[in-house]
Every structure is written in structure tokens, then in C-alpha cells.
Amino acid sequence: MGFKMQYLRNFDAFPRAEDHLLQKTSSGAVVSIIGLSIMATLFIHELKYYLTTYTVHQMSVDLKRGETLPIHINMTFPALPCEVLSVDAIDLSGKHEVDLDTNIWKLHVDSEGRILGTSEYLTDLVEKEHSTQEHVGGKDHPEDSSQKKHEHLSFGSDAQKMINNMKQAMEKGQGCRIFGVLDVQRVAGNFHLSVHGLNILVAQQIFGGPGKVNVSHVIHDLSFGPKYPGIQNPLDGTTRILHSAIGTFKYYIKVVPTEYRYLNKDILPTNQFSVAEYFVPLKDAERSWPAVYFLYDLSPITVTIKEERRSFLHFITRLCAVLGGTFALTGMLDRWMFRLLESFSKSKTRSALR
């Protein structure tokens, strides 16, 4: 029995040191304080590392069908009043919408960007005036060609007053801020902000020609769905101000369907996008009116971003390795310092005896 117990004691990895070897020294205290400080710092670092989430990206084929694509826009046009601006959308399915006003808001702003009020719609007023004139004129009132031409170039008093107000607003430097959400079909298409919603005669009356339309703009926010942690929309904060050249801006956008999965298993469907930008100067011979185009296409690949947290066993393993390694290192440092001081004191004693 005694032999077995002795054999079992041989496996003890923590042998007890003799009492005369357990000496407490000042150098050991300094090393212990330093070691405890290092271990506390490393413990806090490992705890933060464990509690911090990280994301994993996966890709798969996009299988969504019959859903709409939300486009969040928030832009300011410092050189164009709200009454002349329209938001138009067209896609490959043939759907074409002009001057969208559902879930789209327009705010008057001054030259410093301060909000002045909401807008009234010049387009509706002019169309109403034209329909009234067509209803009054008929076969029973024949007119010569010059009178017809004059009738087409003239507007009602309310419309003419609005046109004059627009000219004055442009002279004062009033602009427009447009924000809202466009729900479009999940097919390639474009939406653009321009004066295309105006009657061509009205546009000529206000601007005098395409060369006077300044589509300088500031993109405060442009996204294709809700935002998730860490998303970067490349057009946010974009400022394009034209001082001399007049033309059309075109943004070619590649939309990537994205799903963000939180730790609590909630799923947020949204979209990322990349963009390429081009500016097309307006030539004198061209009759096209400047605009800001956003031409988008959808990627067939869906990106899934999942939040994950490191396992508790992984945390314990790293913690043991860090704390154990620090303890072993400080122990070695303590032994070296003790032997160094001991040898120094012995040499000093010998020299004193001589």
C-alpha cells in the first residue's frame, strides 16, 4: 500500500517547496505588482474581444420574386425651385411614371439651405389652364393661324403669375430639397430628377432654353433599403456644384441584394450598391434638357451578413493561455532578479571582508 501511494505521489505536478525557500523579497513584490497589472490588462482586453461581435459574409443566388425595391432619396437642388422639379421613373418592364408625388416631399430652401416652406405644383396649374382654353375654343370659333399660335404661347393669369414667381425665385437663389421613398419594381431601370415634368413651352418661358438649367445638387442620402450596422452608401454627402459648364449627371448603380442577420436571429432585408459617375456637358446644338439620372441594375447574387460571437470555451482557452503565460514569465523574471541580487550582495560581502 505504501509503495502505491509513493508511486501516486510521483504524478504530483505541484511539489511543495521547503520553508526556507519561500522567501519574500522587495524585488519579488515589484515583479508581482507588474505581473498582476499585465494580467489585469490582458484580462480586460480578452473580455472585450469575447463580447465584441463580428460578421461573416456569405453569397448565394438571389431567389426573391415579386418584391419591390425601395429607393430612399434626400437631395437638395440649390439652383432650381421646387415647382419646376419632378421625379420621374422608368424600368425595363415598360412602366414609366412622371412627376411622382407619392411618398415624395419637396421643401423650399434659401441660398443657405434653410427651409422656407412646402411647394405648389406649377405643372398641374398650367395643365388646368390649357384644358380650360381647349374647352372654351371649339369649331364654332374659327381663328386664323397667327391667333392660334398666340393662344398656344399664352397662359392664364394664374399660370403666368406663377412663371414670374419662378423667375424671381431663381434670381433670389431659392432652391429645393426633395426627400422620400420610391417603390419600384425589382428590374433594371432609372429614375431622374429634372424639369422634364414641365410643358416645353412653360420651360422655355421660365429658363429661356436648356442652357439655363443648372442641375447642381447635393446628395444627403441615397440608399436602396434600410441601413444596417457598418453599411457604407458611396453617394452620401456627394456635392456637385456647376459654376460655368451645364450638362447632365449620370450615376450608374449596381445594386446588390443583402440580408443582415442579427445575433437574435432577426433578419433585415436591404441592399448595398456600387456606383460609377459621369458628367455629360450640354452642347449648343442639343435640345435635351439637363437632368440628374440614377441608372440602376440588380446583381443576381445575394450577400448574407451574419453577426456572430466567439464561443465561451474559446474565451476560456485564450484567457488561460494569456494569464498562465504571464504568470510563468513573471516567475522566471523573479528568479533571475533574485539570483542577480544575491550574487551582487555576496560579492559585496567578500570585498568588505578583504
Protein backbone atom coordinates (compact mmCIF):
# COMPACT_ATOMS: atom_id res chain seq x y z
CA MET A 1 0.00 0.00 0.00
CA GLY A 2 2.84 2.38 0.87
CA PHE A 3 4.50 1.61 -2.46
CA LYS A 4 1.31 2.50 -4.32
CA MET A 5 0.94 5.82 -2.50
CA GLN A 6 4.57 6.67 -3.22
CA TYR A 7 4.03 5.82 -6.88
CA LEU A 8 0.93 8.02 -6.95
CA ARG A 9 2.85 10.96 -5.43
CA ASN A 10 5.23 10.87 -8.36
CA PHE A 11 2.43 12.29 -10.53
CA ASP A 12 2.10 15.42 -8.37
CA ALA A 13 2.82 18.38 -10.70
CA PHE A 14 2.79 20.88 -7.83
CA PRO A 15 5.55 19.88 -5.40
CA ARG A 16 5.75 21.82 -2.13
CA ALA A 17 8.84 23.92 -1.67
CA GLU A 18 10.70 23.88 1.65
CA ASP A 19 10.03 26.71 4.07
CA HIS A 20 13.49 28.26 3.79
CA LEU A 21 12.99 28.64 0.04
CA LEU A 22 9.75 30.61 0.42
CA GLN A 23 11.36 33.98 0.99
CA LYS A 24 9.52 37.23 0.31
CA THR A 25 11.70 39.92 -1.21
CA SER A 26 11.24 43.50 -2.38
CA SER A 27 12.23 42.58 -5.92
CA GLY A 28 9.62 39.81 -5.92
CA ALA A 29 6.96 42.28 -4.81
CA VAL A 30 7.82 44.65 -7.65
CA VAL A 31 7.69 41.82 -10.19
CA SER A 32 4.40 40.58 -8.72
CA ILE A 33 2.77 44.02 -8.99
CA ILE A 34 3.95 44.36 -12.59
CA GLY A 35 2.70 40.86 -13.42
CA LEU A 36 -0.71 41.46 -11.83
CA SER A 37 -1.09 44.73 -13.77
CA ILE A 38 -0.25 42.97 -17.03
CA MET A 39 -2.68 40.13 -16.29
CA ALA A 40 -5.49 42.55 -15.41
CA THR A 41 -4.92 44.49 -18.64
CA LEU A 42 -4.87 41.32 -20.72
CA PHE A 43 -7.99 40.01 -18.97
CA ILE A 44 -9.95 43.18 -19.82
CA HIS A 45 -8.71 43.01 -23.43
CA GLU A 46 -9.77 39.37 -23.79
CA LEU A 47 -13.16 40.08 -22.22
CA LYS A 48 -13.82 42.91 -24.71
CA TYR A 49 -12.66 40.66 -27.54
CA TYR A 50 -15.12 37.97 -26.42
CA LEU A 51 -18.06 40.36 -26.05
CA THR A 52 -17.45 42.05 -29.42
CA THR A 53 -19.47 40.63 -32.31
CA TYR A 54 -18.05 40.02 -35.77
CA THR A 55 -19.69 39.49 -39.14
CA VAL A 56 -19.48 36.60 -41.60
CA HIS A 57 -20.27 37.18 -45.29
CA GLN A 58 -21.92 34.53 -47.45
CA MET A 59 -23.09 34.65 -51.06
CA SER A 60 -25.93 32.84 -52.80
CA VAL A 61 -28.22 33.22 -55.81
CA ASP A 62 -30.96 35.82 -55.40
CA LEU A 63 -34.31 33.99 -55.36
CA LYS A 64 -36.59 36.91 -54.49
CA ARG A 65 -39.65 37.31 -56.68
CA GLY A 66 -42.47 39.81 -56.81
CA GLU A 67 -40.91 42.24 -54.35
CA THR A 68 -40.38 45.95 -54.77
CA LEU A 69 -37.14 47.87 -54.48
CA PRO A 70 -37.31 50.83 -52.05
CA ILE A 71 -35.18 53.84 -53.00
CA HIS A 72 -34.61 56.40 -50.26
CA ILE A 73 -33.63 59.81 -51.62
CA ASN A 74 -32.71 63.03 -49.84
CA MET A 75 -31.27 65.70 -52.15
CA THR A 76 -31.01 69.46 -52.45
CA PHE A 77 -31.02 71.43 -55.69
CA PRO A 78 -29.76 74.90 -54.76
CA ALA A 79 -30.43 76.46 -58.20
CA LEU A 80 -33.90 75.08 -59.04
CA PRO A 81 -37.23 75.89 -57.32
CA CYS A 82 -39.47 73.04 -56.24
CA GLU A 83 -42.26 73.91 -58.70
CA VAL A 84 -40.09 73.09 -61.73
CA LEU A 85 -38.52 69.89 -60.38
CA SER A 86 -40.03 66.48 -60.98
CA VAL A 87 -39.06 62.92 -60.09
CA ASP A 88 -39.56 60.51 -63.00
CA ALA A 89 -39.04 56.74 -63.04
CA ILE A 90 -38.88 54.15 -65.84
CA ASP A 91 -37.89 50.48 -65.86
CA LEU A 92 -37.35 47.66 -68.34
CA SER A 93 -40.90 46.37 -67.87
CA GLY A 94 -42.14 49.50 -69.66
CA LYS A 95 -43.54 51.22 -66.59
CA HIS A 96 -43.00 54.99 -66.89
CA GLU A 97 -44.08 57.41 -64.18
CA VAL A 98 -43.65 61.18 -64.48
CA ASP A 99 -43.59 63.69 -61.63
CA LEU A 100 -44.01 61.20 -58.80
CA ASP A 101 -45.51 62.75 -55.68
CA THR A 102 -46.48 59.69 -53.60
CA ASN A 103 -44.15 59.46 -50.59
CA ILE A 104 -42.10 62.33 -52.10
CA TRP A 105 -41.88 65.69 -50.35
CA LYS A 106 -40.48 68.99 -51.63
CA LEU A 107 -39.33 71.83 -49.41
CA HIS A 108 -38.33 75.34 -50.46
CA VAL A 109 -34.85 76.31 -49.27
CA ASP A 110 -32.98 79.59 -49.49
CA SER A 111 -29.43 80.13 -50.71
CA GLU A 112 -28.08 78.97 -47.33
CA GLY A 113 -30.13 75.77 -47.26
CA ARG A 114 -32.70 76.92 -44.70
CA ILE A 115 -36.24 75.60 -45.19
CA LEU A 116 -38.81 78.19 -46.31
CA GLY A 117 -41.94 76.06 -46.85
CA THR A 118 -43.60 73.43 -49.00
CA SER A 119 -44.14 73.72 -52.74
CA GLU A 120 -47.10 74.21 -55.03
CA TYR A 121 -47.22 72.46 -58.37
CA LEU A 122 -46.86 74.60 -61.45
CA THR A 123 -47.45 71.64 -63.76
CA ASP A 124 -50.99 70.99 -62.52
CA LEU A 125 -51.86 74.66 -62.77
CA VAL A 126 -50.63 75.00 -66.36
CA GLU A 127 -52.41 71.81 -67.44
CA LYS A 128 -55.61 73.15 -65.91
CA GLU A 129 -55.24 76.44 -67.81
CA HIS A 130 -54.64 74.63 -71.11
CA SER A 131 -57.62 72.31 -70.61
CA THR A 132 -59.81 75.36 -69.89
CA GLN A 133 -58.65 77.10 -73.05
CA GLU A 134 -59.29 73.98 -75.14
CA HIS A 135 -62.78 73.67 -73.66
CA VAL A 136 -63.64 77.31 -74.49
CA GLY A 137 -62.24 77.16 -78.04
CA GLY A 138 -64.18 74.99 -80.48
CA LYS A 139 -65.37 74.63 -84.05
CA ASP A 140 -67.82 77.49 -83.63
CA HIS A 141 -64.97 79.96 -83.07
CA PRO A 142 -62.64 79.76 -86.05
CA GLU A 143 -59.37 81.66 -85.73
CA ASP A 144 -56.50 82.31 -88.08
CA SER A 145 -53.10 80.67 -87.70
CA SER A 146 -51.48 83.68 -86.00
CA GLN A 147 -54.18 83.80 -83.36
CA LYS A 148 -53.80 80.06 -82.70
CA LYS A 149 -50.06 80.46 -82.34
CA HIS A 150 -50.59 83.34 -79.90
CA GLU A 151 -53.08 81.24 -77.92
CA HIS A 152 -50.62 78.36 -77.56
CA LEU A 153 -47.86 80.70 -76.38
CA SER A 154 -50.04 82.48 -73.83
CA PHE A 155 -51.17 81.20 -70.47
CA GLY A 156 -53.81 82.10 -67.96
CA SER A 157 -53.17 84.82 -65.44
CA ASP A 158 -52.52 82.38 -62.61
CA ALA A 159 -50.01 80.37 -64.65
CA GLN A 160 -48.26 83.50 -65.89
CA LYS A 161 -48.07 84.81 -62.35
CA MET A 162 -46.54 81.52 -61.22
CA ILE A 163 -43.99 81.67 -64.04
CA ASN A 164 -42.97 85.16 -62.99
CA ASN A 165 -42.67 83.99 -59.39
CA MET A 166 -40.37 81.20 -60.53
CA LYS A 167 -38.12 83.65 -62.31
CA GLN A 168 -37.94 85.82 -59.20
CA ALA A 169 -37.23 82.79 -57.01
CA MET A 170 -34.34 81.77 -59.25
CA GLU A 171 -32.96 85.31 -59.14
CA LYS A 172 -33.08 85.21 -55.32
CA GLY A 173 -31.18 81.91 -55.29
CA GLN A 174 -34.00 79.76 -53.94
CA GLY A 175 -33.66 76.03 -54.27
CA CYS A 176 -35.47 72.83 -53.37
CA ARG A 177 -34.93 69.87 -51.10
CA ILE A 178 -36.52 66.60 -52.22
CA PHE A 179 -36.81 63.58 -49.95
CA GLY A 180 -38.90 60.46 -49.71
CA VAL A 181 -39.13 56.85 -50.83
CA LEU A 182 -39.66 55.43 -54.31
CA ASP A 183 -41.03 51.88 -54.52
CA VAL A 184 -40.03 50.47 -57.91
CA GLN A 185 -40.09 47.01 -59.39
CA ARG A 186 -37.03 44.77 -58.93
CA VAL A 187 -35.87 45.14 -62.51
CA ALA A 188 -33.28 47.38 -64.11
CA GLY A 189 -34.37 50.96 -64.71
CA ASN A 190 -33.66 54.53 -63.83
CA PHE A 191 -35.12 57.49 -62.01
CA HIS A 192 -34.15 61.05 -62.69
CA LEU A 193 -34.72 64.48 -61.24
CA SER A 194 -35.19 67.21 -63.81
CA VAL A 195 -37.54 69.79 -65.31
CA HIS A 196 -38.94 67.17 -67.72
CA GLY A 197 -42.30 67.26 -65.96
CA LEU A 198 -42.90 70.77 -67.27
CA ASN A 199 -44.64 71.62 -70.51
CA ILE A 200 -41.95 72.53 -73.04
CA LEU A 201 -43.49 75.99 -73.55
CA VAL A 202 -43.53 76.60 -69.80
CA ALA A 203 -39.91 75.53 -69.50
CA GLN A 204 -38.96 77.91 -72.31
CA GLN A 205 -40.82 80.74 -70.59
CA ILE A 206 -39.03 80.16 -67.28
CA PHE A 207 -35.48 79.32 -68.37
CA GLY A 208 -35.23 80.59 -71.93
CA GLY A 209 -33.59 77.33 -73.06
CA PRO A 210 -31.79 74.18 -71.85
CA GLY A 211 -28.54 76.10 -71.37
CA LYS A 212 -30.01 77.95 -68.40
CA VAL A 213 -30.96 74.86 -66.37
CA ASN A 214 -28.43 74.34 -63.58
CA VAL A 215 -28.79 70.87 -62.03
CA SER A 216 -26.21 71.42 -59.28
CA HIS A 217 -27.13 69.15 -56.41
CA VAL A 218 -26.16 67.78 -53.01
CA ILE A 219 -26.95 64.14 -52.18
CA HIS A 220 -27.55 63.95 -48.44
CA ASP A 221 -28.68 60.35 -48.50
CA LEU A 222 -29.30 57.76 -51.20
CA SER A 223 -29.95 54.15 -50.25
CA PHE A 224 -31.83 51.12 -51.53
CA GLY A 225 -33.34 49.94 -48.28
CA PRO A 226 -32.87 50.28 -44.53
CA LYS A 227 -29.38 50.71 -43.10
CA TYR A 228 -27.59 48.05 -41.11
CA PRO A 229 -24.51 48.42 -38.84
CA GLY A 230 -21.40 49.15 -40.89
CA ILE A 231 -23.10 49.88 -44.22
CA GLN A 232 -21.43 52.45 -46.46
CA ASN A 233 -23.51 54.21 -49.10
CA PRO A 234 -20.97 55.71 -51.54
CA LEU A 235 -23.15 58.64 -52.63
CA ASP A 236 -23.97 60.02 -49.18
CA GLY A 237 -22.60 63.53 -48.81
CA THR A 238 -21.87 63.95 -52.53
CA THR A 239 -21.80 67.60 -53.67
CA ARG A 240 -21.80 68.59 -57.34
CA ILE A 241 -21.99 72.33 -57.96
CA LEU A 242 -21.80 73.72 -61.51
CA HIS A 243 -20.42 77.23 -61.98
CA SER A 244 -19.86 77.50 -65.72
CA ALA A 245 -20.49 74.22 -67.56
CA ILE A 246 -24.08 73.00 -67.93
CA GLY A 247 -24.96 69.37 -68.52
CA THR A 248 -26.40 66.11 -67.27
CA PHE A 249 -25.16 63.94 -64.41
CA LYS A 250 -25.43 60.17 -64.74
CA TYR A 251 -24.87 57.74 -61.86
CA TYR A 252 -24.59 54.09 -62.92
CA ILE A 253 -25.50 51.99 -59.92
CA LYS A 254 -25.08 48.25 -59.31
CA VAL A 255 -27.49 47.12 -56.58
CA VAL A 256 -26.53 44.03 -54.55
CA PRO A 257 -29.37 42.39 -52.57
CA THR A 258 -28.31 41.94 -48.95
CA GLU A 259 -29.64 40.25 -45.83
CA TYR A 260 -28.34 41.23 -42.41
CA ARG A 261 -28.87 38.62 -39.67
CA TYR A 262 -28.59 39.84 -36.08
CA LEU A 263 -27.48 37.74 -33.10
CA ASN A 264 -31.12 37.40 -32.01
CA LYS A 265 -31.92 35.79 -35.41
CA ASP A 266 -33.80 38.85 -36.73
CA ILE A 267 -33.36 39.35 -40.49
CA LEU A 268 -33.12 42.77 -42.12
CA PRO A 269 -33.59 42.69 -45.93
CA THR A 270 -31.83 45.58 -47.65
CA ASN A 271 -29.41 46.37 -50.48
CA GLN A 272 -25.86 47.58 -50.98
CA PHE A 273 -24.64 49.29 -54.14
CA SER A 274 -21.61 50.47 -56.02
CA VAL A 275 -21.61 53.46 -58.36
CA ALA A 276 -19.81 54.99 -61.34
CA GLU A 277 -20.35 58.67 -62.12
CA TYR A 278 -20.29 60.54 -65.43
CA PHE A 279 -20.96 64.13 -66.44
CA VAL A 280 -22.18 64.89 -69.98
CA PRO A 281 -21.75 68.58 -70.93
CA LEU A 282 -24.59 70.16 -72.87
CA LYS A 283 -23.69 71.10 -76.43
CA ASP A 284 -25.16 74.15 -78.14
CA ALA A 285 -26.79 72.08 -80.90
CA GLU A 286 -28.54 69.73 -78.48
CA ARG A 287 -32.13 70.27 -77.45
CA SER A 288 -32.11 67.89 -74.49
CA TRP A 289 -32.67 69.40 -71.06
CA PRO A 290 -30.13 68.77 -68.26
CA ALA A 291 -31.06 66.29 -65.55
CA VAL A 292 -29.63 64.04 -62.83
CA TYR A 293 -30.02 60.38 -63.78
CA PHE A 294 -29.67 57.36 -61.50
CA LEU A 295 -29.47 54.25 -63.69
CA TYR A 296 -29.59 51.08 -61.61
CA ASP A 297 -29.26 47.37 -62.28
CA LEU A 298 -29.60 44.45 -59.85
CA SER A 299 -26.99 41.79 -59.17
CA PRO A 300 -28.19 38.15 -59.32
CA ILE A 301 -26.16 37.39 -56.17
CA THR A 302 -27.43 37.92 -52.62
CA VAL A 303 -24.97 38.73 -49.85
CA THR A 304 -25.85 37.44 -46.36
CA ILE A 305 -24.12 39.14 -43.44
CA LYS A 306 -24.41 37.30 -40.12
CA GLU A 307 -23.48 38.62 -36.70
CA GLU A 308 -21.64 36.06 -34.61
CA ARG A 309 -19.89 35.95 -31.25
CA ARG A 310 -16.92 33.85 -30.20
CA SER A 311 -17.64 30.78 -28.05
CA PHE A 312 -17.13 30.80 -24.29
CA LEU A 313 -14.69 27.88 -24.50
CA HIS A 314 -12.62 29.89 -26.95
CA PHE A 315 -12.59 32.76 -24.44
CA ILE A 316 -11.52 30.48 -21.56
CA THR A 317 -8.75 28.91 -23.68
CA ARG A 318 -7.28 32.27 -24.64
CA LEU A 319 -7.63 33.56 -21.08
CA CYS A 320 -5.77 30.58 -19.60
CA ALA A 321 -3.02 30.88 -22.19
CA VAL A 322 -2.56 34.62 -21.59
CA LEU A 323 -2.72 34.54 -17.78
CA GLY A 324 -0.69 31.37 -17.47
CA GLY A 325 2.00 32.64 -19.81
CA THR A 326 2.21 35.95 -17.93
CA PHE A 327 2.48 34.15 -14.58
CA ALA A 328 5.23 31.88 -15.86
CA LEU A 329 7.16 34.79 -17.37
CA THR A 330 6.99 36.88 -14.19
CA GLY A 331 8.14 33.84 -12.19
CA MET A 332 11.21 33.44 -14.39
CA LEU A 333 11.92 37.18 -14.11
CA ASP A 334 11.63 36.99 -10.31
CA ARG A 335 14.12 34.10 -10.10
CA TRP A 336 16.63 35.90 -12.33
CA MET A 337 16.38 39.11 -10.32
CA PHE A 338 16.73 37.21 -7.02
CA ARG A 339 19.87 35.38 -8.18
CA LEU A 340 21.34 38.59 -9.60
CA LEU A 341 20.79 40.49 -6.36
CA GLU A 342 22.05 37.54 -4.32
CA SER A 343 25.28 37.27 -6.31
CA PHE A 344 25.76 41.04 -6.09
CA SER A 345 25.34 41.01 -2.30
CA LYS A 346 27.78 38.08 -1.90
CA SER A 347 30.44 39.80 -3.98
CA LYS A 348 29.96 42.98 -1.95
CA THR A 349 30.35 41.00 1.32
CA ARG A 350 33.57 39.35 0.13
CA SER A 351 35.09 42.66 -0.84
CA ALA A 352 34.21 44.09 2.61
CA LEU A 353 35.89 41.14 4.41
CA ARG A 354 39.07 41.71 2.49
